[in-house]
Amino acid sequence: MKRSDRLQSAVLWLKDFEGKNVLRSYCKRYGVDWRCAAIELRRLGVELDSDYLSQREQSDRQNISKRRQHRESRSSGDTTPYPIEYESIFDAYLVRDFAALHAMECERDGVEPGSTYRASE
């Protein structure tokens, strides 16, 4: 739904709205993020708490930095090709961890896990 259509629909929706958090409800109803919802609700004359909006902005920044740190730590801290250490290839087979099984077989055979194998003729 385009913004102009949403704004027309939201006028009627706001008249019947009885919930607690108009911003969250607007986001869910119209499928927009909270920034877009805040802009459109202000256009419709709804008063939004600026402290709440700044708190949401700060929370978004923190979530982004947490995800970035988690992604970086996950990519740099992983030294093994498979996350669970199995005692034998058979153990990996029994628990059906085929990615670890493949990595262990490649390590045993001295082959890179991503390389293509060609049988000698």
PDB file of N, CA and C in Angstrom:
ATOM      1  N   MET A   1       0.845  -1.164   0.000  1.00  0.00           N
ATOM      2  CA  MET A   1       0.000   0.000   0.000  1.00  0.00           C
ATOM      3  C   MET A   1       0.897   1.236   0.000  1.00  0.00           C
ATOM      4  N   LYS A   2       0.575   2.163  -0.847  1.00  0.00           N
ATOM      5  CA  LYS A   2       1.371   3.385  -0.932  1.00  0.00           C
ATOM      6  C   LYS A   2       1.052   4.311   0.238  1.00  0.00           C
ATOM      7  N   ARG A   3       1.946   5.254   0.455  1.00  0.00           N
ATOM      8  CA  ARG A   3       1.802   6.148   1.600  1.00  0.00           C
ATOM      9  C   ARG A   3       0.490   6.933   1.553  1.00  0.00           C
ATOM     10  N   SER A   4       0.140   7.457   0.396  1.00  0.00           N
ATOM     11  CA  SER A   4      -1.097   8.242   0.307  1.00  0.00           C
ATOM     12  C   SER A   4      -2.312   7.382   0.649  1.00  0.00           C
ATOM     13  N   ASP A   5      -2.320   6.136   0.193  1.00  0.00           N
ATOM     14  CA  ASP A   5      -3.427   5.233   0.515  1.00  0.00           C
ATOM     15  C   ASP A   5      -3.438   4.885   2.000  1.00  0.00           C
ATOM     16  N   ARG A   6      -2.247   4.678   2.566  1.00  0.00           N
ATOM     17  CA  ARG A   6      -2.157   4.375   3.998  1.00  0.00           C
ATOM     18  C   ARG A   6      -2.685   5.532   4.831  1.00  0.00           C
ATOM     19  N   LEU A   7      -2.325   6.744   4.445  1.00  0.00           N
ATOM     20  CA  LEU A   7      -2.764   7.908   5.216  1.00  0.00           C
ATOM     21  C   LEU A   7      -4.281   8.052   5.175  1.00  0.00           C
ATOM     22  N   GLN A   8      -4.881   7.794   4.017  1.00  0.00           N
ATOM     23  CA  GLN A   8      -6.342   7.867   3.921  1.00  0.00           C
ATOM     24  C   GLN A   8      -6.999   6.790   4.779  1.00  0.00           C
ATOM     25  N   SER A   9      -6.449   5.600   4.749  1.00  0.00           N
ATOM     26  CA  SER A   9      -6.992   4.501   5.541  1.00  0.00           C
ATOM     27  C   SER A   9      -6.768   4.737   7.031  1.00  0.00           C
ATOM     28  N   ALA A  10      -5.640   5.333   7.370  1.00  0.00           N
ATOM     29  CA  ALA A  10      -5.291   5.529   8.776  1.00  0.00           C
ATOM     30  C   ALA A  10      -6.193   6.546   9.460  1.00  0.00           C
ATOM     31  N   VAL A  11      -6.741   7.481   8.708  1.00  0.00           N
ATOM     32  CA  VAL A  11      -7.654   8.462   9.305  1.00  0.00           C
ATOM     33  C   VAL A  11      -8.841   7.734   9.932  1.00  0.00           C
ATOM     34  N   LEU A  12      -9.421   6.798   9.193  1.00  0.00           N
ATOM     35  CA  LEU A  12     -10.552   6.028   9.724  1.00  0.00           C
ATOM     36  C   LEU A  12     -10.104   5.077  10.833  1.00  0.00           C
ATOM     37  N   TRP A  13      -8.936   4.484  10.660  1.00  0.00           N
ATOM     38  CA  TRP A  13      -8.428   3.555  11.664  1.00  0.00           C
ATOM     39  C   TRP A  13      -8.175   4.269  12.991  1.00  0.00           C
ATOM     40  N   LEU A  14      -7.639   5.491  12.940  1.00  0.00           N
ATOM     41  CA  LEU A  14      -7.339   6.229  14.174  1.00  0.00           C
ATOM     42  C   LEU A  14      -8.604   6.576  14.953  1.00  0.00           C
ATOM     43  N   LYS A  15      -9.705   6.816  14.246  1.00  0.00           N
ATOM     44  CA  LYS A  15     -10.961   7.130  14.942  1.00  0.00           C
ATOM     45  C   LYS A  15     -11.427   5.957  15.800  1.00  0.00           C
ATOM     46  N   ASP A  16     -11.193   4.738  15.321  1.00  0.00           N
ATOM     47  CA  ASP A  16     -11.647   3.546  16.035  1.00  0.00           C
ATOM     48  C   ASP A  16     -10.573   2.941  16.931  1.00  0.00           C
ATOM     49  N   PHE A  17      -9.367   3.485  16.923  1.00  0.00           N
ATOM     50  CA  PHE A  17      -8.257   2.891  17.673  1.00  0.00           C
ATOM     51  C   PHE A  17      -8.466   3.073  19.165  1.00  0.00           C
ATOM     52  N   GLU A  18      -8.338   1.956  19.914  1.00  0.00           N
ATOM     53  CA  GLU A  18      -8.510   1.996  21.366  1.00  0.00           C
ATOM     54  C   GLU A  18      -7.340   1.365  22.106  1.00  0.00           C
ATOM     55  N   GLY A  19      -6.256   1.078  21.421  1.00  0.00           N
ATOM     56  CA  GLY A  19      -5.126   0.389  22.033  1.00  0.00           C
ATOM     57  C   GLY A  19      -4.237   1.303  22.845  1.00  0.00           C
ATOM     58  N   LYS A  20      -3.153   0.724  23.367  1.00  0.00           N
ATOM     59  CA  LYS A  20      -2.200   1.464  24.185  1.00  0.00           C
ATOM     60  C   LYS A  20      -1.168   2.196  23.344  1.00  0.00           C
ATOM     61  N   ASN A  21      -0.497   1.462  22.475  1.00  0.00           N
ATOM     62  CA  ASN A  21       0.647   2.010  21.756  1.00  0.00           C
ATOM     63  C   ASN A  21       0.274   2.201  20.290  1.00  0.00           C
ATOM     64  N   VAL A  22      -0.032   3.427  19.918  1.00  0.00           N
ATOM     65  CA  VAL A  22      -0.491   3.707  18.562  1.00  0.00           C
ATOM     66  C   VAL A  22       0.618   3.476  17.542  1.00  0.00           C
ATOM     67  N   LEU A  23       1.847   3.744  17.913  1.00  0.00           N
ATOM     68  CA  LEU A  23       2.966   3.559  16.986  1.00  0.00           C
ATOM     69  C   LEU A  23       3.157   2.078  16.659  1.00  0.00           C
ATOM     70  N   ARG A  24       3.200   1.239  17.664  1.00  0.00           N
ATOM     71  CA  ARG A  24       3.372  -0.198  17.439  1.00  0.00           C
ATOM     72  C   ARG A  24       2.191  -0.778  16.657  1.00  0.00           C
ATOM     73  N   SER A  25       0.984  -0.365  17.002  1.00  0.00           N
ATOM     74  CA  SER A  25      -0.196  -0.869  16.305  1.00  0.00           C
ATOM     75  C   SER A  25      -0.206  -0.440  14.848  1.00  0.00           C
ATOM     76  N   TYR A  26       0.221   0.786  14.587  1.00  0.00           N
ATOM     77  CA  TYR A  26       0.288   1.273  13.208  1.00  0.00           C
ATOM     78  C   TYR A  26       1.305   0.462  12.410  1.00  0.00           C
ATOM     79  N   CYS A  27       2.438   0.166  13.035  1.00  0.00           N
ATOM     80  CA  CYS A  27       3.461  -0.650  12.366  1.00  0.00           C
ATOM     81  C   CYS A  27       2.909  -2.016  11.993  1.00  0.00           C
ATOM     82  N   LYS A  28       2.219  -2.646  12.914  1.00  0.00           N
ATOM     83  CA  LYS A  28       1.680  -3.981  12.652  1.00  0.00           C
ATOM     84  C   LYS A  28       0.572  -3.941  11.605  1.00  0.00           C
ATOM     85  N   ARG A  29      -0.301  -2.970  11.707  1.00  0.00           N
ATOM     86  CA  ARG A  29      -1.451  -2.917  10.799  1.00  0.00           C
ATOM     87  C   ARG A  29      -1.034  -2.640   9.366  1.00  0.00           C
ATOM     88  N   TYR A  30      -0.095  -1.708   9.181  1.00  0.00           N
ATOM     89  CA  TYR A  30       0.257  -1.285   7.827  1.00  0.00           C
ATOM     90  C   TYR A  30       1.589  -1.852   7.341  1.00  0.00           C
ATOM     91  N   GLY A  31       2.271  -2.622   8.154  1.00  0.00           N
ATOM     92  CA  GLY A  31       3.492  -3.287   7.726  1.00  0.00           C
ATOM     93  C   GLY A  31       4.636  -2.345   7.416  1.00  0.00           C
ATOM     94  N   VAL A  32       4.800  -1.327   8.235  1.00  0.00           N
ATOM     95  CA  VAL A  32       5.887  -0.368   8.046  1.00  0.00           C
ATOM     96  C   VAL A  32       6.771  -0.388   9.287  1.00  0.00           C
ATOM     97  N   ASP A  33       7.980   0.143   9.159  1.00  0.00           N
ATOM     98  CA  ASP A  33       8.853   0.207  10.328  1.00  0.00           C
ATOM     99  C   ASP A  33       8.428   1.387  11.199  1.00  0.00           C
ATOM    100  N   TRP A  34       9.011   1.471  12.379  1.00  0.00           N
ATOM    101  CA  TRP A  34       8.546   2.475  13.331  1.00  0.00           C
ATOM    102  C   TRP A  34       8.882   3.895  12.896  1.00  0.00           C
ATOM    103  N   ARG A  35       9.950   4.076  12.140  1.00  0.00           N
ATOM    104  CA  ARG A  35      10.301   5.422  11.674  1.00  0.00           C
ATOM    105  C   ARG A  35       9.252   5.938  10.684  1.00  0.00           C
ATOM    106  N   CYS A  36       8.878   5.075   9.745  1.00  0.00           N
ATOM    107  CA  CYS A  36       7.855   5.440   8.765  1.00  0.00           C
ATOM    108  C   CYS A  36       6.522   5.704   9.473  1.00  0.00           C
ATOM    109  N   ALA A  37       6.192   4.851  10.434  1.00  0.00           N
ATOM    110  CA  ALA A  37       4.950   5.026  11.177  1.00  0.00           C
ATOM    111  C   ALA A  37       4.950   6.346  11.942  1.00  0.00           C
ATOM    112  N   ALA A  38       6.079   6.713  12.526  1.00  0.00           N
ATOM    113  CA  ALA A  38       6.159   7.971  13.273  1.00  0.00           C
ATOM    114  C   ALA A  38       5.943   9.164  12.349  1.00  0.00           C
ATOM    115  N   ILE A  39       6.554   9.132  11.176  1.00  0.00           N
ATOM    116  CA  ILE A  39       6.388  10.228  10.214  1.00  0.00           C
ATOM    117  C   ILE A  39       4.927  10.352   9.801  1.00  0.00           C
ATOM    118  N   GLU A  40       4.312   9.219   9.477  1.00  0.00           N
ATOM    119  CA  GLU A  40       2.933   9.254   8.997  1.00  0.00           C
ATOM    120  C   GLU A  40       1.957   9.630  10.107  1.00  0.00           C
ATOM    121  N   LEU A  41       2.193   9.159  11.314  1.00  0.00           N
ATOM    122  CA  LEU A  41       1.307   9.525  12.419  1.00  0.00           C
ATOM    123  C   LEU A  41       1.419  11.008  12.750  1.00  0.00           C
ATOM    124  N   ARG A  42       2.613  11.559  12.646  1.00  0.00           N
ATOM    125  CA  ARG A  42       2.758  13.003  12.866  1.00  0.00           C
ATOM    126  C   ARG A  42       2.005  13.788  11.803  1.00  0.00           C
ATOM    127  N   ARG A  43       2.045  13.304  10.565  1.00  0.00           N
ATOM    128  CA  ARG A  43       1.282  13.966   9.496  1.00  0.00           C
ATOM    129  C   ARG A  43      -0.213  13.944   9.787  1.00  0.00           C
ATOM    130  N   LEU A  44      -0.654  12.895  10.476  1.00  0.00           N
ATOM    131  CA  LEU A  44      -2.072  12.774  10.805  1.00  0.00           C
ATOM    132  C   LEU A  44      -2.434  13.518  12.086  1.00  0.00           C
ATOM    133  N   GLY A  45      -1.449  14.144  12.721  1.00  0.00           N
ATOM    134  CA  GLY A  45      -1.715  14.953  13.896  1.00  0.00           C
ATOM    135  C   GLY A  45      -1.606  14.220  15.218  1.00  0.00           C
ATOM    136  N   VAL A  46      -1.038  13.050  15.228  1.00  0.00           N
ATOM    137  CA  VAL A  46      -0.877  12.290  16.470  1.00  0.00           C
ATOM    138  C   VAL A  46       0.384  12.778  17.172  1.00  0.00           C
ATOM    139  N   GLU A  47       0.251  13.076  18.465  1.00  0.00           N
ATOM    140  CA  GLU A  47       1.394  13.511  19.260  1.00  0.00           C
ATOM    141  C   GLU A  47       2.174  12.282  19.728  1.00  0.00           C
ATOM    142  N   LEU A  48       3.450  12.238  19.406  1.00  0.00           N
ATOM    143  CA  LEU A  48       4.312  11.138  19.836  1.00  0.00           C
ATOM    144  C   LEU A  48       5.372  11.684  20.782  1.00  0.00           C
ATOM    145  N   ASP A  49       5.668  10.922  21.810  1.00  0.00           N
ATOM    146  CA  ASP A  49       6.651  11.321  22.806  1.00  0.00           C
ATOM    147  C   ASP A  49       8.049  11.277  22.188  1.00  0.00           C
ATOM    148  N   SER A  50       8.731  12.419  22.176  1.00  0.00           N
ATOM    149  CA  SER A  50      10.063  12.480  21.566  1.00  0.00           C
ATOM    150  C   SER A  50      11.080  11.650  22.355  1.00  0.00           C
ATOM    151  N   ASP A  51      10.898  11.535  23.675  1.00  0.00           N
ATOM    152  CA  ASP A  51      11.789  10.688  24.476  1.00  0.00           C
ATOM    153  C   ASP A  51      11.657   9.221  24.071  1.00  0.00           C
ATOM    154  N   TYR A  52      10.423   8.803  23.819  1.00  0.00           N
ATOM    155  CA  TYR A  52      10.187   7.421  23.400  1.00  0.00           C
ATOM    156  C   TYR A  52      10.833   7.152  22.043  1.00  0.00           C
ATOM    157  N   LEU A  53      10.714   8.096  21.121  1.00  0.00           N
ATOM    158  CA  LEU A  53      11.305   7.919  19.791  1.00  0.00           C
ATOM    159  C   LEU A  53      12.829   7.887  19.859  1.00  0.00           C
ATOM    160  N   SER A  54      13.415   8.749  20.695  1.00  0.00           N
ATOM    161  CA  SER A  54      14.875   8.730  20.824  1.00  0.00           C
ATOM    162  C   SER A  54      15.346   7.443  21.507  1.00  0.00           C
ATOM    163  N   GLN A  55      14.548   6.932  22.435  1.00  0.00           N
ATOM    164  CA  GLN A  55      14.876   5.659  23.078  1.00  0.00           C
ATOM    165  C   GLN A  55      14.821   4.524  22.061  1.00  0.00           C
ATOM    166  N   ARG A  56      13.825   4.547  21.178  1.00  0.00           N
ATOM    167  CA  ARG A  56      13.739   3.518  20.119  1.00  0.00           C
ATOM    168  C   ARG A  56      14.943   3.599  19.191  1.00  0.00           C
ATOM    169  N   GLU A  57      15.347   4.809  18.849  1.00  0.00           N
ATOM    170  CA  GLU A  57      16.503   4.999  17.967  1.00  0.00           C
ATOM    171  C   GLU A  57      17.774   4.447  18.620  1.00  0.00           C
ATOM    172  N   GLN A  58      17.956   4.757  19.894  1.00  0.00           N
ATOM    173  CA  GLN A  58      19.131   4.273  20.618  1.00  0.00           C
ATOM    174  C   GLN A  58      19.105   2.746  20.726  1.00  0.00           C
ATOM    175  N   SER A  59      17.943   2.192  20.974  1.00  0.00           N
ATOM    176  CA  SER A  59      17.808   0.739  21.062  1.00  0.00           C
ATOM    177  C   SER A  59      18.143   0.077  19.727  1.00  0.00           C
ATOM    178  N   ASP A  60      17.713   0.685  18.621  1.00  0.00           N
ATOM    179  CA  ASP A  60      18.043   0.147  17.298  1.00  0.00           C
ATOM    180  C   ASP A  60      19.548   0.167  17.054  1.00  0.00           C
ATOM    181  N   ARG A  61      20.194   1.252  17.433  1.00  0.00           N
ATOM    182  CA  ARG A  61      21.654   1.339  17.260  1.00  0.00           C
ATOM    183  C   ARG A  61      22.368   0.263  18.071  1.00  0.00           C
ATOM    184  N   GLN A  62      21.913   0.040  19.300  1.00  0.00           N
ATOM    185  CA  GLN A  62      22.522  -0.987  20.143  1.00  0.00           C
ATOM    186  C   GLN A  62      22.319  -2.378  19.550  1.00  0.00           C
ATOM    187  N   ASN A  63      21.129  -2.644  19.029  1.00  0.00           N
ATOM    188  CA  ASN A  63      20.866  -3.950  18.420  1.00  0.00           C
ATOM    189  C   ASN A  63      21.737  -4.175  17.199  1.00  0.00           C
ATOM    190  N   ILE A  64      21.927  -3.132  16.403  1.00  0.00           N
ATOM    191  CA  ILE A  64      22.770  -3.247  15.213  1.00  0.00           C
ATOM    192  C   ILE A  64      24.207  -3.543  15.619  1.00  0.00           C
ATOM    193  N   SER A  65      24.707  -2.836  16.631  1.00  0.00           N
ATOM    194  CA  SER A  65      26.092  -3.078  17.053  1.00  0.00           C
ATOM    195  C   SER A  65      26.243  -4.468  17.679  1.00  0.00           C
ATOM    196  N   LYS A  66      25.237  -4.935  18.423  1.00  0.00           N
ATOM    197  CA  LYS A  66      25.296  -6.285  18.988  1.00  0.00           C
ATOM    198  C   LYS A  66      25.330  -7.335  17.886  1.00  0.00           C
ATOM    199  N   ARG A  67      24.489  -7.171  16.867  1.00  0.00           N
ATOM    200  CA  ARG A  67      24.481  -8.132  15.761  1.00  0.00           C
ATOM    201  C   ARG A  67      25.805  -8.121  15.026  1.00  0.00           C
ATOM    202  N   ARG A  68      26.376  -6.931  14.832  1.00  0.00           N
ATOM    203  CA  ARG A  68      27.661  -6.833  14.141  1.00  0.00           C
ATOM    204  C   ARG A  68      28.756  -7.530  14.949  1.00  0.00           C
ATOM    205  N   GLN A  69      28.796  -7.275  16.260  1.00  0.00           N
ATOM    206  CA  GLN A  69      29.797  -7.915  17.113  1.00  0.00           C
ATOM    207  C   GLN A  69      29.616  -9.429  17.129  1.00  0.00           C
ATOM    208  N   HIS A  70      28.380  -9.878  17.187  1.00  0.00           N
ATOM    209  CA  HIS A  70      28.114 -11.316  17.196  1.00  0.00           C
ATOM    210  C   HIS A  70      28.560 -11.952  15.888  1.00  0.00           C
ATOM    211  N   ARG A  71      28.267 -11.303  14.782  1.00  0.00           N
ATOM    212  CA  ARG A  71      28.662 -11.820  13.472  1.00  0.00           C
ATOM    213  C   ARG A  71      30.177 -11.868  13.346  1.00  0.00           C
ATOM    214  N   GLU A  72      30.865 -10.816  13.813  1.00  0.00           N
ATOM    215  CA  GLU A  72      32.327 -10.783  13.738  1.00  0.00           C
ATOM    216  C   GLU A  72      32.955 -11.825  14.661  1.00  0.00           C
ATOM    217  N   SER A  73      32.432 -11.972  15.856  1.00  0.00           N
ATOM    218  CA  SER A  73      32.994 -12.959  16.779  1.00  0.00           C
ATOM    219  C   SER A  73      32.738 -14.372  16.277  1.00  0.00           C
ATOM    220  N   ARG A  74      31.608 -14.582  15.648  1.00  0.00           N
ATOM    221  CA  ARG A  74      31.290 -15.905  15.124  1.00  0.00           C
ATOM    222  C   ARG A  74      32.200 -16.267  13.960  1.00  0.00           C
ATOM    223  N   SER A  75      32.513 -15.276  13.115  1.00  0.00           N
ATOM    224  CA  SER A  75      33.357 -15.580  11.958  1.00  0.00           C
ATOM    225  C   SER A  75      34.834 -15.661  12.333  1.00  0.00           C
ATOM    226  N   SER A  76      35.292 -14.858  13.285  1.00  0.00           N
ATOM    227  CA  SER A  76      36.715 -14.863  13.636  1.00  0.00           C
ATOM    228  C   SER A  76      37.053 -15.906  14.699  1.00  0.00           C
ATOM    229  N   GLY A  77      36.142 -16.226  15.571  1.00  0.00           N
ATOM    230  CA  GLY A  77      36.434 -17.136  16.664  1.00  0.00           C
ATOM    231  C   GLY A  77      36.309 -18.597  16.308  1.00  0.00           C
ATOM    232  N   ASP A  78      35.755 -18.911  15.171  1.00  0.00           N
ATOM    233  CA  ASP A  78      35.548 -20.303  14.794  1.00  0.00           C
ATOM    234  C   ASP A  78      36.796 -20.844  14.117  1.00  0.00           C
ATOM    235  N   THR A  79      37.549 -21.665  14.835  1.00  0.00           N
ATOM    236  CA  THR A  79      38.782 -22.209  14.269  1.00  0.00           C
ATOM    237  C   THR A  79      38.584 -23.606  13.715  1.00  0.00           C
ATOM    238  N   THR A  80      37.531 -24.291  14.156  1.00  0.00           N
ATOM    239  CA  THR A  80      37.284 -25.633  13.647  1.00  0.00           C
ATOM    240  C   THR A  80      36.273 -25.562  12.513  1.00  0.00           C
ATOM    241  N   PRO A  81      36.372 -26.455  11.536  1.00  0.00           N
ATOM    242  CA  PRO A  81      35.405 -26.433  10.448  1.00  0.00           C
ATOM    243  C   PRO A  81      34.031 -26.926  10.874  1.00  0.00           C
ATOM    244  N   TYR A  82      33.926 -27.560  12.033  1.00  0.00           N
ATOM    245  CA  TYR A  82      32.645 -28.031  12.535  1.00  0.00           C
ATOM    246  C   TYR A  82      32.557 -27.649  14.007  1.00  0.00           C
ATOM    247  N   PRO A  83      31.391 -27.203  14.456  1.00  0.00           N
ATOM    248  CA  PRO A  83      31.286 -26.633  15.798  1.00  0.00           C
ATOM    249  C   PRO A  83      31.382 -27.646  16.934  1.00  0.00           C
ATOM    250  N   ILE A  84      31.015 -28.901  16.712  1.00  0.00           N
ATOM    251  CA  ILE A  84      31.042 -29.894  17.778  1.00  0.00           C
ATOM    252  C   ILE A  84      32.224 -30.822  17.554  1.00  0.00           C
ATOM    253  N   GLU A  85      32.979 -31.052  18.599  1.00  0.00           N
ATOM    254  CA  GLU A  85      34.127 -31.953  18.502  1.00  0.00           C
ATOM    255  C   GLU A  85      33.649 -33.386  18.733  1.00  0.00           C
ATOM    256  N   TYR A  86      33.740 -34.214  17.718  1.00  0.00           N
ATOM    257  CA  TYR A  86      33.398 -35.624  17.845  1.00  0.00           C
ATOM    258  C   TYR A  86      34.683 -36.423  18.013  1.00  0.00           C
ATOM    259  N   GLU A  87      34.589 -37.538  18.721  1.00  0.00           N
ATOM    260  CA  GLU A  87      35.769 -38.373  18.927  1.00  0.00           C
ATOM    261  C   GLU A  87      36.119 -39.170  17.689  1.00  0.00           C
ATOM    262  N   SER A  88      35.107 -39.520  16.906  1.00  0.00           N
ATOM    263  CA  SER A  88      35.377 -40.288  15.693  1.00  0.00           C
ATOM    264  C   SER A  88      34.386 -39.887  14.603  1.00  0.00           C
ATOM    265  N   ILE A  89      34.693 -40.284  13.399  1.00  0.00           N
ATOM    266  CA  ILE A  89      33.799 -40.019  12.273  1.00  0.00           C
ATOM    267  C   ILE A  89      32.479 -40.744  12.491  1.00  0.00           C
ATOM    268  N   PHE A  90      32.548 -41.906  13.106  1.00  0.00           N
ATOM    269  CA  PHE A  90      31.349 -42.693  13.368  1.00  0.00           C
ATOM    270  C   PHE A  90      30.381 -41.951  14.293  1.00  0.00           C
ATOM    271  N   ASP A  91      30.916 -41.227  15.291  1.00  0.00           N
ATOM    272  CA  ASP A  91      30.067 -40.444  16.195  1.00  0.00           C
ATOM    273  C   ASP A  91      29.306 -39.372  15.429  1.00  0.00           C
ATOM    274  N   ALA A  92      29.985 -38.693  14.515  1.00  0.00           N
ATOM    275  CA  ALA A  92      29.322 -37.672  13.705  1.00  0.00           C
ATOM    276  C   ALA A  92      28.246 -38.307  12.834  1.00  0.00           C
ATOM    277  N   TYR A  93      28.504 -39.498  12.327  1.00  0.00           N
ATOM    278  CA  TYR A  93      27.524 -40.208  11.512  1.00  0.00           C
ATOM    279  C   TYR A  93      26.302 -40.589  12.339  1.00  0.00           C
ATOM    280  N   LEU A  94      26.518 -41.051  13.562  1.00  0.00           N
ATOM    281  CA  LEU A  94      25.411 -41.494  14.406  1.00  0.00           C
ATOM    282  C   LEU A  94      24.450 -40.364  14.747  1.00  0.00           C
ATOM    283  N   VAL A  95      24.977 -39.175  14.962  1.00  0.00           N
ATOM    284  CA  VAL A  95      24.101 -38.048  15.293  1.00  0.00           C
ATOM    285  C   VAL A  95      23.621 -37.322  14.042  1.00  0.00           C
ATOM    286  N   ARG A  96      23.969 -37.844  12.886  1.00  0.00           N
ATOM    287  CA  ARG A  96      23.530 -37.332  11.587  1.00  0.00           C
ATOM    288  C   ARG A  96      23.996 -35.899  11.343  1.00  0.00           C
ATOM    289  N   ASP A  97      25.170 -35.568  11.839  1.00  0.00           N
ATOM    290  CA  ASP A  97      25.787 -34.263  11.583  1.00  0.00           C
ATOM    291  C   ASP A  97      26.667 -34.419  10.345  1.00  0.00           C
ATOM    292  N   PHE A  98      26.019 -34.357   9.191  1.00  0.00           N
ATOM    293  CA  PHE A  98      26.715 -34.677   7.950  1.00  0.00           C
ATOM    294  C   PHE A  98      27.711 -33.602   7.533  1.00  0.00           C
ATOM    295  N   ALA A  99      27.478 -32.369   7.958  1.00  0.00           N
ATOM    296  CA  ALA A  99      28.452 -31.318   7.646  1.00  0.00           C
ATOM    297  C   ALA A  99      29.760 -31.593   8.383  1.00  0.00           C
ATOM    298  N   ALA A 100      29.653 -31.953   9.655  1.00  0.00           N
ATOM    299  CA  ALA A 100      30.858 -32.283  10.426  1.00  0.00           C
ATOM    300  C   ALA A 100      31.498 -33.560   9.902  1.00  0.00           C
ATOM    301  N   LEU A 101      30.670 -34.524   9.510  1.00  0.00           N
ATOM    302  CA  LEU A 101      31.187 -35.771   8.956  1.00  0.00           C
ATOM    303  C   LEU A 101      31.996 -35.506   7.694  1.00  0.00           C
ATOM    304  N   HIS A 102      31.445 -34.672   6.821  1.00  0.00           N
ATOM    305  CA  HIS A 102      32.144 -34.324   5.582  1.00  0.00           C
ATOM    306  C   HIS A 102      33.464 -33.613   5.886  1.00  0.00           C
ATOM    307  N   ALA A 103      33.418 -32.652   6.826  1.00  0.00           N
ATOM    308  CA  ALA A 103      34.629 -31.907   7.171  1.00  0.00           C
ATOM    309  C   ALA A 103      35.690 -32.829   7.773  1.00  0.00           C
ATOM    310  N   MET A 104      35.266 -33.772   8.604  1.00  0.00           N
ATOM    311  CA  MET A 104      36.225 -34.700   9.214  1.00  0.00           C
ATOM    312  C   MET A 104      36.838 -35.636   8.172  1.00  0.00           C
ATOM    313  N   GLU A 105      36.028 -36.085   7.218  1.00  0.00           N
ATOM    314  CA  GLU A 105      36.562 -36.954   6.168  1.00  0.00           C
ATOM    315  C   GLU A 105      37.536 -36.192   5.278  1.00  0.00           C
ATOM    316  N   CYS A 106      37.203 -34.938   4.968  1.00  0.00           N
ATOM    317  CA  CYS A 106      38.118 -34.127   4.158  1.00  0.00           C
ATOM    318  C   CYS A 106      39.428 -33.896   4.896  1.00  0.00           C
ATOM    319  N   GLU A 107      39.333 -33.640   6.202  1.00  0.00           N
ATOM    320  CA  GLU A 107      40.542 -33.430   7.007  1.00  0.00           C
ATOM    321  C   GLU A 107      41.386 -34.704   7.048  1.00  0.00           C
ATOM    322  N   ARG A 108      40.724 -35.841   7.197  1.00  0.00           N
ATOM    323  CA  ARG A 108      41.424 -37.126   7.226  1.00  0.00           C
ATOM    324  C   ARG A 108      42.138 -37.404   5.895  1.00  0.00           C
ATOM    325  N   ASP A 109      41.465 -37.072   4.782  1.00  0.00           N
ATOM    326  CA  ASP A 109      42.016 -37.365   3.455  1.00  0.00           C
ATOM    327  C   ASP A 109      42.940 -36.275   2.939  1.00  0.00           C
ATOM    328  N   GLY A 110      43.044 -35.161   3.667  1.00  0.00           N
ATOM    329  CA  GLY A 110      43.916 -34.072   3.241  1.00  0.00           C
ATOM    330  C   GLY A 110      43.360 -33.288   2.070  1.00  0.00           C
ATOM    331  N   VAL A 111      42.043 -33.168   2.000  1.00  0.00           N
ATOM    332  CA  VAL A 111      41.367 -32.466   0.906  1.00  0.00           C
ATOM    333  C   VAL A 111      40.661 -31.248   1.491  1.00  0.00           C
ATOM    334  N   GLU A 112      40.642 -30.137   0.752  1.00  0.00           N
ATOM    335  CA  GLU A 112      39.891 -28.958   1.174  1.00  0.00           C
ATOM    336  C   GLU A 112      38.400 -29.278   1.096  1.00  0.00           C
ATOM    337  N   PRO A 113      37.602 -28.900   2.101  1.00  0.00           N
ATOM    338  CA  PRO A 113      36.178 -29.239   2.092  1.00  0.00           C
ATOM    339  C   PRO A 113      35.398 -28.679   0.900  1.00  0.00           C
ATOM    340  N   GLY A 114      35.798 -27.556   0.353  1.00  0.00           N
ATOM    341  CA  GLY A 114      35.055 -26.971  -0.758  1.00  0.00           C
ATOM    342  C   GLY A 114      35.534 -27.394  -2.127  1.00  0.00           C
ATOM    343  N   SER A 115      36.627 -28.124  -2.195  1.00  0.00           N
ATOM    344  CA  SER A 115      37.191 -28.479  -3.499  1.00  0.00           C
ATOM    345  C   SER A 115      36.412 -29.632  -4.120  1.00  0.00           C
ATOM    346  N   THR A 116      36.490 -29.720  -5.436  1.00  0.00           N
ATOM    347  CA  THR A 116      35.819 -30.813  -6.138  1.00  0.00           C
ATOM    348  C   THR A 116      36.766 -31.989  -6.251  1.00  0.00           C
ATOM    349  N   TYR A 117      36.236 -33.155  -6.079  1.00  0.00           N
ATOM    350  CA  TYR A 117      37.044 -34.374  -6.102  1.00  0.00           C
ATOM    351  C   TYR A 117      36.895 -35.033  -7.465  1.00  0.00           C
ATOM    352  N   ARG A 118      37.995 -35.377  -8.058  1.00  0.00           N
ATOM    353  CA  ARG A 118      37.973 -36.100  -9.331  1.00  0.00           C
ATOM    354  C   ARG A 118      38.755 -37.390  -9.149  1.00  0.00           C
ATOM    355  N   ALA A 119      38.104 -38.476  -9.459  1.00  0.00           N
ATOM    356  CA  ALA A 119      38.764 -39.777  -9.339  1.00  0.00           C
ATOM    357  C   ALA A 119      39.806 -39.914 -10.431  1.00  0.00           C
ATOM    358  N   SER A 120      40.924 -40.476 -10.090  1.00  0.00           N
ATOM    359  CA  SER A 120      41.970 -40.673 -11.099  1.00  0.00           C
ATOM    360  C   SER A 120      41.564 -41.807 -12.028  1.00  0.00           C
ATOM    361  N   GLU A 121      41.825 -41.607 -13.290  1.00  0.00           N
ATOM    362  CA  GLU A 121      41.388 -42.584 -14.297  1.00  0.00           C
ATOM    363  C   GLU A 121      42.415 -43.636 -14.543  1.00  0.00           C
TER     364      GLU A 121
END
